[in-house]
Protein backbone atom coordinates (compact mmCIF):
# COMPACT_ATOMS: atom_id res chain seq x y z
CA UNK A 1 -4.58 -13.75 -8.09
CA UNK A 2 -5.67 -10.27 -9.03
CA UNK A 3 -5.24 -7.03 -7.09
CA UNK A 4 -7.32 -4.01 -8.00
CA UNK A 5 -6.12 -0.71 -6.57
CA UNK A 6 -8.34 2.35 -6.45
CA UNK A 7 -8.90 5.60 -4.59
CA UNK A 8 -6.17 7.82 -5.97
CA UNK A 9 -6.70 11.35 -7.14
CA UNK A 10 -5.74 14.98 -6.80
CA UNK A 11 -5.66 16.41 -3.29
CA UNK A 12 -4.38 19.60 -1.74
CA UNK A 13 -1.49 19.58 0.72
CA UNK A 14 -2.75 18.69 4.17
CA UNK A 15 -5.60 16.65 2.77
CA UNK A 16 -6.45 12.97 3.04
CA UNK A 17 -7.12 10.03 0.75
CA UNK A 18 -7.91 6.38 1.31
CA UNK A 19 -6.62 3.85 -1.16
CA UNK A 20 -8.22 0.43 -1.54
CA UNK A 21 -6.84 -2.80 -2.92
CA UNK A 22 -9.41 -5.50 -3.58
CA UNK A 23 -8.00 -9.00 -3.93
CA UNK A 24 -9.42 -11.97 -5.79
CA UNK A 25 -8.07 -15.49 -5.93
CA UNK A 26 -6.33 -15.26 -2.57
CA UNK A 27 -7.43 -14.24 0.91
CA UNK A 28 -5.78 -11.09 2.25
CA UNK A 29 -5.84 -12.66 5.70
CA UNK A 30 -3.52 -15.40 4.40
CA UNK A 31 -1.07 -13.07 2.67
CA UNK A 32 1.63 -10.65 3.71
CA UNK A 33 0.63 -7.53 1.82
CA UNK A 34 2.00 -4.06 1.29
CA UNK A 35 1.72 -0.72 -0.42
CA UNK A 36 4.60 0.66 -2.45
CA UNK A 37 4.88 3.88 -4.39
CA UNK A 38 6.85 5.10 -7.37
CA UNK A 39 7.48 8.75 -8.10
CA UNK A 40 8.74 9.87 -11.53
CA UNK A 41 12.44 9.12 -11.85
CA UNK A 42 12.54 7.11 -8.64
CA UNK A 43 12.44 3.44 -7.82
CA UNK A 44 9.41 1.73 -6.33
CA UNK A 45 9.68 2.06 -2.55
CA UNK A 46 7.95 0.51 0.42
CA UNK A 47 5.23 2.55 2.13
CA UNK A 48 3.46 0.20 4.53
CA UNK A 49 2.92 -3.50 5.08
CA UNK A 50 0.53 -5.77 6.94
CA UNK A 51 1.18 -9.31 8.05
CA UNK A 52 -1.10 -12.27 7.44
CA UNK A 53 -3.05 -13.71 10.38
CA UNK A 54 -2.46 -11.29 13.28
CA UNK A 55 -2.20 -8.27 11.00
CA UNK A 56 0.89 -6.61 12.44
CA UNK A 57 1.65 -3.44 10.49
CA UNK A 58 4.83 -1.68 9.44
CA UNK A 59 5.33 1.81 8.02
CA UNK A 60 8.18 3.46 6.20
CA UNK A 61 9.78 6.28 8.19
CA UNK A 62 8.63 8.87 5.65
CA UNK A 63 4.98 8.16 6.34
CA UNK A 64 4.96 7.24 10.04
CA UNK A 65 2.26 9.08 11.90
CA UNK A 66 0.51 10.07 8.66
CA UNK A 67 -0.35 6.83 6.84
CA UNK A 68 -1.98 3.67 8.15
CA UNK A 69 -2.49 0.31 6.48
CA UNK A 70 -5.44 -1.87 7.41
CA UNK A 71 -7.55 -4.66 6.00
CA UNK A 72 -11.11 -5.93 5.92
CA UNK A 73 -11.12 -9.72 5.72
CA UNK A 74 -14.83 -9.85 4.90
CA UNK A 75 -14.28 -7.62 1.86
CA UNK A 76 -10.91 -9.21 1.05
CA UNK A 77 -9.48 -5.73 0.76
CA UNK A 78 -6.58 -3.78 2.21
CA UNK A 79 -6.52 -0.03 2.63
CA UNK A 80 -4.03 2.78 2.93
CA UNK A 81 -5.35 5.76 4.86
CA UNK A 82 -3.20 8.77 3.99
CA UNK A 83 -3.45 11.90 6.12
CA UNK A 84 -1.56 15.22 6.14
CA UNK A 85 -0.47 14.65 2.58
CA UNK A 86 2.49 16.60 1.23
CA UNK A 87 3.62 17.19 -2.36
CA UNK A 88 6.42 14.64 -1.87
CA UNK A 89 3.75 11.95 -1.50
CA UNK A 90 2.88 12.37 -5.19
CA UNK A 91 3.41 9.00 -6.86
CA UNK A 92 1.73 5.97 -8.33
CA UNK A 93 0.75 3.70 -5.45
CA UNK A 94 0.81 -0.07 -5.87
CA UNK A 95 -0.52 -2.82 -3.66
CA UNK A 96 1.28 -6.14 -3.53
CA UNK A 97 0.81 -9.61 -2.10
CA UNK A 98 3.32 -12.31 -1.22
CA UNK A 99 2.61 -16.04 -1.36
CA UNK A 100 5.30 -16.91 1.16
CA UNK A 101 5.60 -16.00 4.81
CA UNK A 102 8.01 -13.08 4.80
CA UNK A 103 10.50 -12.19 7.48
CA UNK A 104 10.08 -8.65 8.71
CA UNK A 105 13.03 -7.19 6.83
CA UNK A 106 11.82 -8.73 3.57
CA UNK A 107 8.49 -6.94 3.73
CA UNK A 108 10.20 -3.78 2.51
CA UNK A 109 11.65 -5.42 -0.58
CA UNK A 110 9.95 -5.22 -3.98
CA UNK A 111 11.30 -8.66 -4.88
CA UNK A 112 9.48 -10.34 -1.98
CA UNK A 113 6.06 -9.90 -3.59
CA UNK A 114 4.50 -12.14 -6.21
CA UNK A 115 1.41 -10.21 -7.20
CA UNK A 116 0.92 -6.53 -7.95
CA UNK A 117 -2.01 -4.26 -8.58
CA UNK A 118 -2.08 -1.91 -11.53
CA UNK A 119 -1.32 1.22 -9.51
CA UNK A 120 -3.33 4.28 -8.68
CA UNK A 121 -2.07 7.85 -9.12
CA UNK A 122 -1.94 10.17 -6.12
CA UNK A 123 -1.15 13.81 -6.81
CA UNK A 124 -0.71 16.29 -3.97
CA UNK A 125 -0.78 19.83 -5.27
CA UNK A 126 -2.40 23.16 -4.61
């Protein structure tokens, strides 16, 4: 299984970006998947997750109302739409996939995921 993250870059505060995570070797519709981020000096933290099958989504409190996770089964890709970006959103963003069926609380845990993308840098600065 390989996950290829893309779409990061430099954006001004208040701007938007859309991250993509293309999967190969496993269908995104059959996987609980998520985005995490890691800022310098911090641990990797949960940003948003999407369940297999019905596609229920979950967001971290810090990004609620600004970020949205989605997926395109035909393209075997998940996305993270990021709006109203702030400097505190600056981080390397990682997509992740789990092979098991996670309980809701486990979706926020780094250790629940078996596969990780390489990360894409998002920098929010004027």
